[in-house]
Amino acid sequence: MTHPEFSRFKSEINLTQYAAHLGYQIDARKSTRSSIAMRKDSDKVIISKRGTLWVYFSVTDETDNGTIIDFATKRTGADFYAIGQELQNWLTGGATLPDPQSYVPEITPQEYDSARVAKIFKRCKPVTYSRYLASRGLTRALLKDGRFAGRIYTDRYQNAAFPHYKHSSVCGLELKNHDKALFVRGSEKTLWRSNAFSDDTTLIIGEAVIDALSYHALHDCQQAIYTATGGGLSPEQGEIIKGFVSERENLAQIILIPDHDEGGAKLETRLCEILKASSFTGAIKIHKPDIYGQDWNDILQGRL
C-alpha cells in the first residue's frame, strides 16, 4: 500500500480544485489573482498560496484555516488515515476531477506591494458623488460630512475606493461597485476608519464600510469614530483594534454593528473576545438589525 505523502499534498494538490470537488463554487466578484473566494452554502473560504503551499482560511471562523489537510479534516469528517489515502489518489491520478471551469489552475502567491497600492491610490479622487454609493442610499451630504472627508474615494473606473492605512501611509485599497468587491493586488488589509477627533467618546465597528456609513445615515451618532474590517477579521486586525483602543483615552463605549446572520454572529463573538483582552473598560454594546439576514444597508434602503 502506498503511504500518504502529506508534505506533497500541501503544495502539489490545487486546493481550489479539491474544494470544487467538495461542491464549493468560485465567487468571482470577491476573487483576485492571488486570492480566490469560494462558497458552499453558508461556508465561505479564501484560498491563496504562501510560497509553494496552498492555504485557506474561513471568513466566518478564525479557527478554520491551514492547508488542504485542515480543509479536508474540517469538511469530510474522515479520519487522518482516510484523508491521507484520498489525497494520495489525487497525487497519483486516481481521483475524479471536477469541471476545469469550476476552479483556477494556478494562483499568484500573495505579496504586499505598498508602492503599487500607493500608485493606484494616487490616481483616486475624494468622492463627492458616486452612482454606486447613491444606489446604496448614501447621499452627497453624507459623503461630504467632515467625519468622512478624505476617507472615501473613487477611482477612474467609478469604483468606490476605501483606503486602509498603516503608520499613516496607505497600505490597502478596497474597491466596491455593483460587480466588484475586492482589494487591489498588493494590498495589506488593516482597517478602514473614518476621521477621529479628540473629543470622540464612541467607537463603532462593522464588517463592511457600506454598513458603517449606513449606520451613520440612520443614527447620526455624535462623537463617534467608525471603522470596518473589510471582511473577516484577521489576528493582525485584532491587534490593531487593541492598539487603537488603548490610544483613545476618552473612549467610553464601543458599539458593534454586525450583520444579523451566522457570519455576523461569529464576527461579533470574535470582536468581543478581542475587546475583553484589551485595555478597554467601558461599555460594549451590540446593535444589529432585528430581522435575520439583514445588514444596516438593508435597513437604510428599506427606509428610502
Foldseek 3Di string as FASTA:
>chain_A
DDFFDVVCLFQPPDLLFVVVVVPWAWPVQAADLAWTWIDDVPWIKIWGDDVRGIKIATLQDRVQIDGVQSVCVVPVVDDSRVVRVVSVCVVVVNDDTDDPVRGDPDGDHAAADQVVVQVQVVQKDQDQDAPFLVVLVQDSVLSPPQQAGPQWTAHPVRWIWGFDDDPNGTRWIFTDGPRHTYIPGNHDFAKRKTDADLQAAEEEEEADPSLQSLVCVVPVDPSYMYMHRSTGDDPNNLVVVLVVQVVRPNHAEYEYEYEQESSSVSRVVVNVVSVVVHPDDHYYHYDYDPDHPGGSSVVSVVVD
